[in-house]
Each structure stands twice: as C-alpha cells, then as structure tokens.
Protein backbone atom coordinates (compact mmCIF):
# COMPACT_ATOMS: atom_id res chain seq x y z
CA MET A 1 114.14 64.14 82.54
CA LEU A 2 115.33 60.61 83.44
CA THR A 3 112.34 57.98 83.59
CA ASN A 4 114.03 54.59 83.29
CA ILE A 5 115.37 53.74 86.76
CA GLY A 6 118.71 51.82 86.73
CA THR A 7 119.17 52.02 82.82
CA THR A 8 122.33 53.09 80.99
CA ILE A 9 121.83 56.72 79.70
CA LYS A 10 124.26 57.25 76.53
CA MET A 11 125.55 60.86 76.47
CA PRO A 12 127.09 62.66 73.75
CA GLU A 13 130.99 62.40 73.65
CA ASP A 14 131.48 66.21 74.18
CA VAL A 15 129.81 66.58 77.35
CA ASP A 16 131.48 68.45 80.02
CA TYR A 17 130.73 66.09 83.09
CA THR A 18 132.60 68.59 85.29
CA LEU A 19 130.23 71.29 84.39
CA MET A 20 127.31 69.00 84.45
CA LYS A 21 128.08 67.59 87.96
CA ARG A 22 128.26 71.22 88.99
CA TYR A 23 125.04 72.52 88.10
CA THR A 24 122.83 69.37 88.42
CA GLY A 25 124.00 67.82 91.65
CA LEU A 26 124.66 64.57 89.53
CA ARG A 27 125.26 61.64 92.05
CA GLY A 28 124.69 58.80 89.77
CA MET A 29 121.42 56.91 88.81
CA VAL A 30 118.84 56.07 91.19
CA GLU A 31 118.30 52.30 91.57
CA VAL A 32 115.29 50.42 92.36
CA ASP A 33 116.35 49.60 95.88
CA ASP A 34 116.36 53.31 96.75
CA VAL A 35 112.73 53.92 95.44
CA ALA A 36 111.78 50.61 97.43
CA GLU A 37 113.47 51.95 100.58
CA MET A 38 111.43 55.16 100.33
CA VAL A 39 108.26 53.34 99.74
CA ALA A 40 108.86 51.10 102.87
CA PHE A 41 109.53 54.23 104.89
CA LEU A 42 106.48 55.96 103.88
CA ALA A 43 104.57 52.83 104.56
CA SER A 44 105.93 52.54 108.17
CA ASP A 45 104.73 54.22 111.37
CA ALA A 46 108.04 56.42 111.31
CA ALA A 47 106.50 58.46 108.37
CA ARG A 48 103.16 59.03 110.22
CA GLY A 49 103.84 62.91 110.11
CA TYR A 50 104.10 62.96 106.23
CA HIS A 51 100.93 64.22 104.56
CA GLY A 52 100.81 65.24 100.99
CA ALA A 53 104.62 65.68 100.51
CA CYS A 54 106.29 65.43 97.05
CA ILE A 55 109.52 63.57 97.51
CA ASN A 56 112.04 63.42 94.85
CA ILE A 57 114.19 60.33 94.59
CA ASP A 58 116.45 61.57 91.84
CA GLY A 59 120.06 61.66 93.34
CA GLY A 60 119.92 65.40 93.81
CA ILE A 61 119.27 66.48 90.47
CA THR A 62 116.28 68.70 91.47
CA ALA A 63 118.28 70.33 94.19
CA GLY A 64 120.91 71.61 91.97
C-alpha cells in the first residue's frame, strides 16, 4: 500500500513493469494537488449528492 503521496518509491531492479502495469492499472503517483482537488469538489455544492461514499484517489490501482 502506498501511503506517502508524491514521494519516490524504490522498486527492485528485476521488476517487470509491463506486467505490473497490466495488473494494477498503474498510472503514476498521485500528487497532493489530486487529493486537494477532490477535497475541494467534495466541499462544493456540486457534490451535494455524495453521502457516505468511499472515494479512492490512487491512480486506478484498486480498479486493476
């Protein structure tokens, strides 16, 4: 699980990134701005229909 937003993660040298991307939906690291934009949206009137939702901001990793 990635817990540090916007930090560099060191991966083993023998990782097959093609395979990893295929199964995890890897789209790069989530940046602080991505989280801030979601918070701003949820605090706005445009999100008045959201109630008790779990929103993943993870670049698609959990959708993989």
